[in-house]
Protein backbone atom coordinates (compact mmCIF):
# COMPACT_ATOMS: atom_id res chain seq x y z
CA UNK A 1 -99.57 80.56 32.00
CA UNK A 2 -100.03 79.53 28.33
CA UNK A 3 -96.29 80.54 27.64
CA UNK A 4 -95.05 78.69 30.86
CA UNK A 5 -96.71 75.72 29.06
CA UNK A 6 -94.95 76.60 26.08
CA UNK A 7 -91.50 76.95 27.51
CA UNK A 8 -92.58 73.46 29.02
CA UNK A 9 -93.72 72.06 26.44
CA UNK A 10 -89.28 73.14 24.68
CA UNK A 11 -88.27 72.13 27.49
CA UNK A 12 -89.35 68.55 27.69
CA UNK A 13 -89.21 68.07 24.11
CA UNK A 14 -85.57 69.04 23.73
CA UNK A 15 -84.45 66.68 27.12
CA UNK A 16 -86.91 64.19 25.15
CA UNK A 17 -85.14 64.39 21.48
CA UNK A 18 -81.58 65.29 23.54
CA UNK A 19 -82.59 61.10 25.69
CA UNK A 20 -83.71 59.66 22.91
CA UNK A 21 -80.84 60.64 20.66
CA UNK A 22 -78.02 59.38 23.24
CA UNK A 23 -80.45 55.64 23.36
CA UNK A 24 -79.88 55.90 19.16
CA UNK A 25 -76.58 56.28 19.61
CA UNK A 26 -75.52 53.51 22.01
CA UNK A 27 -77.63 51.21 20.19
CA UNK A 28 -77.25 52.29 17.09
CA UNK A 29 -74.14 49.56 15.13
CA UNK A 30 -72.71 50.66 12.51
CA UNK A 31 -71.81 48.81 9.23
CA UNK A 32 -69.52 49.57 6.39
CA UNK A 33 -71.65 49.71 3.15
CA UNK A 34 -68.71 46.33 2.30
CA UNK A 35 -71.02 46.25 -0.38
CA UNK A 36 -74.20 45.53 2.12
CA UNK A 37 -77.74 47.79 0.92
CA UNK A 38 -77.17 48.89 4.40
CA UNK A 39 -74.93 51.83 6.16
CA UNK A 40 -76.68 50.77 10.17
CA UNK A 41 -78.91 49.05 11.74
CA UNK A 42 -80.98 51.01 14.69
CA UNK A 43 -83.17 48.60 17.47
CA UNK A 44 -82.81 46.01 14.60
CA UNK A 45 -83.90 48.49 12.32
CA UNK A 46 -81.45 48.67 9.35
CA UNK A 47 -80.86 52.38 7.96
CA UNK A 48 -80.85 51.57 3.87
CA UNK A 49 -78.20 53.63 1.36
CA UNK A 50 -81.56 54.74 -0.17
CA UNK A 51 -82.42 56.34 2.89
CA UNK A 52 -79.20 57.88 3.54
CA UNK A 53 -79.48 59.25 0.52
CA UNK A 54 -82.55 60.02 0.21
CA UNK A 55 -82.01 62.70 3.10
CA UNK A 56 -78.39 63.57 2.77
CA UNK A 57 -78.30 64.86 -1.39
CA UNK A 58 -80.61 67.81 -0.67
CA UNK A 59 -78.66 68.35 2.98
CA UNK A 60 -75.77 68.32 0.80
CA UNK A 61 -76.49 70.57 -2.21
CA UNK A 62 -78.77 73.21 0.71
CA UNK A 63 -75.02 73.25 2.39
CA UNK A 64 -73.30 73.66 -0.80
CA UNK A 65 -75.44 76.95 -1.43
CA UNK A 66 -75.27 78.33 2.00
CA UNK A 67 -71.28 78.10 2.25
CA UNK A 68 -70.33 77.82 -1.48
CA UNK A 69 -68.13 74.92 -0.59
CA UNK A 70 -66.39 72.43 -3.12
CA UNK A 71 -66.70 68.99 -2.30
CA UNK A 72 -63.65 67.76 -4.07
CA UNK A 73 -61.35 69.91 -1.77
CA UNK A 74 -59.61 68.14 1.29
CA UNK A 75 -61.88 70.74 3.28
CA UNK A 76 -65.40 70.04 1.22
CA UNK A 77 -64.31 66.50 2.24
CA UNK A 78 -64.15 67.31 5.83
CA UNK A 79 -66.89 69.66 6.01
CA UNK A 80 -69.59 66.56 3.48
CA UNK A 81 -68.69 63.89 6.99
CA UNK A 82 -70.18 66.34 8.89
CA UNK A 83 -72.91 66.28 6.99
CA UNK A 84 -73.22 62.37 6.91
CA UNK A 85 -72.48 62.24 9.81
CA UNK A 86 -76.12 65.15 11.28
CA UNK A 87 -78.06 63.50 8.23
CA UNK A 88 -77.26 59.88 9.90
CA UNK A 89 -77.88 61.29 13.44
CA UNK A 90 -81.44 62.56 12.74
CA UNK A 91 -82.66 60.25 10.77
CA UNK A 92 -81.49 58.22 13.70
CA UNK A 93 -83.47 59.73 16.09
CA UNK A 94 -86.01 59.99 14.02
CA UNK A 95 -86.56 56.08 13.65
CA UNK A 96 -86.15 55.22 17.27
CA UNK A 97 -88.83 57.69 18.15
CA UNK A 98 -91.09 56.47 15.51
CA UNK A 99 -90.53 53.30 17.12
CA UNK A 100 -91.03 54.53 20.27
CA UNK A 101 -94.88 55.28 18.47
CA UNK A 102 -95.15 52.45 17.11
CA UNK A 103 -94.94 50.85 20.48
CA UNK A 104 -97.40 53.08 21.92
CA UNK A 105 -100.22 52.46 18.67
CA UNK A 106 -99.64 56.45 18.08
CA UNK A 107 -100.64 56.09 14.10
CA UNK A 108 -101.07 59.26 11.98
CA UNK A 109 -103.95 58.56 8.28
CA UNK A 110 -103.25 59.58 4.94
CA UNK A 111 -106.15 61.99 5.56
CA UNK A 112 -104.50 64.23 8.13
CA UNK A 113 -101.31 64.17 5.47
CA UNK A 114 -103.82 65.70 2.81
CA UNK A 115 -105.10 68.00 5.45
CA UNK A 116 -100.61 69.25 5.51
CA UNK A 117 -100.76 69.45 2.96
CA UNK A 118 -103.30 71.34 1.53
CA UNK A 119 -102.82 73.90 4.61
CA UNK A 120 -99.56 74.38 3.22
CA UNK A 121 -101.09 75.16 -0.35
CA UNK A 122 -103.69 77.59 0.94
CA UNK A 123 -100.96 79.51 3.58
CA UNK A 124 -97.93 79.65 1.50
CA UNK A 125 -99.29 78.78 -2.18
CA UNK A 126 -102.37 80.43 -1.93
CA UNK A 127 -103.74 77.06 -3.53
CA UNK A 128 -101.51 77.76 -6.50
CA UNK A 129 -101.02 73.83 -7.38
CA UNK A 130 -97.62 75.01 -10.18
CA UNK A 131 -96.41 76.67 -7.35
CA UNK A 132 -96.51 74.74 -5.04
CA UNK A 133 -94.95 71.98 -7.61
CA UNK A 134 -91.82 74.63 -8.17
CA UNK A 135 -91.35 75.19 -4.46
CA UNK A 136 -90.73 71.48 -4.51
CA UNK A 137 -89.04 71.29 -7.05
CA UNK A 138 -86.53 73.94 -6.25
CA UNK A 139 -85.13 71.99 -2.93
CA UNK A 140 -85.23 68.67 -4.47
CA UNK A 141 -87.81 67.05 -2.45
CA UNK A 142 -90.75 64.92 -4.50
CA UNK A 143 -94.72 64.78 -3.33
CA UNK A 144 -94.35 61.52 -1.76
CA UNK A 145 -90.84 62.56 -0.13
CA UNK A 146 -92.89 65.78 1.10
CA UNK A 147 -95.53 63.33 2.44
CA UNK A 148 -93.58 60.84 4.31
CA UNK A 149 -91.87 63.92 5.99
CA UNK A 150 -95.18 64.96 6.89
CA UNK A 151 -96.02 62.00 8.71
CA UNK A 152 -93.35 61.55 10.20
CA UNK A 153 -93.64 65.77 11.70
CA UNK A 154 -96.99 64.31 12.85
CA UNK A 155 -95.71 61.03 14.58
CA UNK A 156 -93.00 62.42 16.64
CA UNK A 157 -95.86 65.59 17.42
CA UNK A 158 -98.20 63.45 18.31
CA UNK A 159 -95.58 60.99 20.54
CA UNK A 160 -94.02 64.28 22.81
CA UNK A 161 -96.97 65.52 23.06
CA UNK A 162 -98.29 62.72 24.81
CA UNK A 163 -95.04 61.94 26.54
CA UNK A 164 -95.23 65.60 27.73
CA UNK A 165 -99.30 65.39 29.09
CA UNK A 166 -98.25 62.18 31.10
CA UNK A 167 -94.71 63.92 32.77
CA UNK A 168 -97.19 66.85 33.46
CA UNK A 169 -99.12 65.47 34.93
CA UNK A 170 -96.38 64.45 38.10
CA UNK A 171 -95.82 67.63 38.28
CA UNK A 172 -96.87 70.10 40.38
CA UNK A 173 -97.15 73.60 38.84
CA UNK A 174 -97.42 76.63 41.35
CA UNK A 175 -100.15 79.06 39.61
């Protein structure tokens, strides 16, 4: 029974994310960088160059480490364009979902974020702050960036849980 619930949860989450991606892409208005400090607008909110770079730079480094690509070559430039496109799409989806969560009055407090960070420290670093900081550095992540990421993920999880529960109440599951 629990495995069926997990299956339906994952199915619903995947479908929900795909629908939001289509919706966000439809509403996206690309803006050329000609002197502007934003890359796109999503539902009236802008995606700033700084926000894009915050996600793009670590992703570019990770991609280069995994594939050994040289971004100075023609193929490297094509690969970079794809990485950039993927990062922009991820940001659009996240921003769209967060906007929906705000409409649904879903909130994640700083306390919850701190609890999650403490769990990570305990589970992965045996509460060793130095090892935790080194891991953040190695992955080009600041603690502020991690807190933001955890908060976003918690908000998204709460939204998807809420949407799933709403849809689940309309299902006629046979036991």
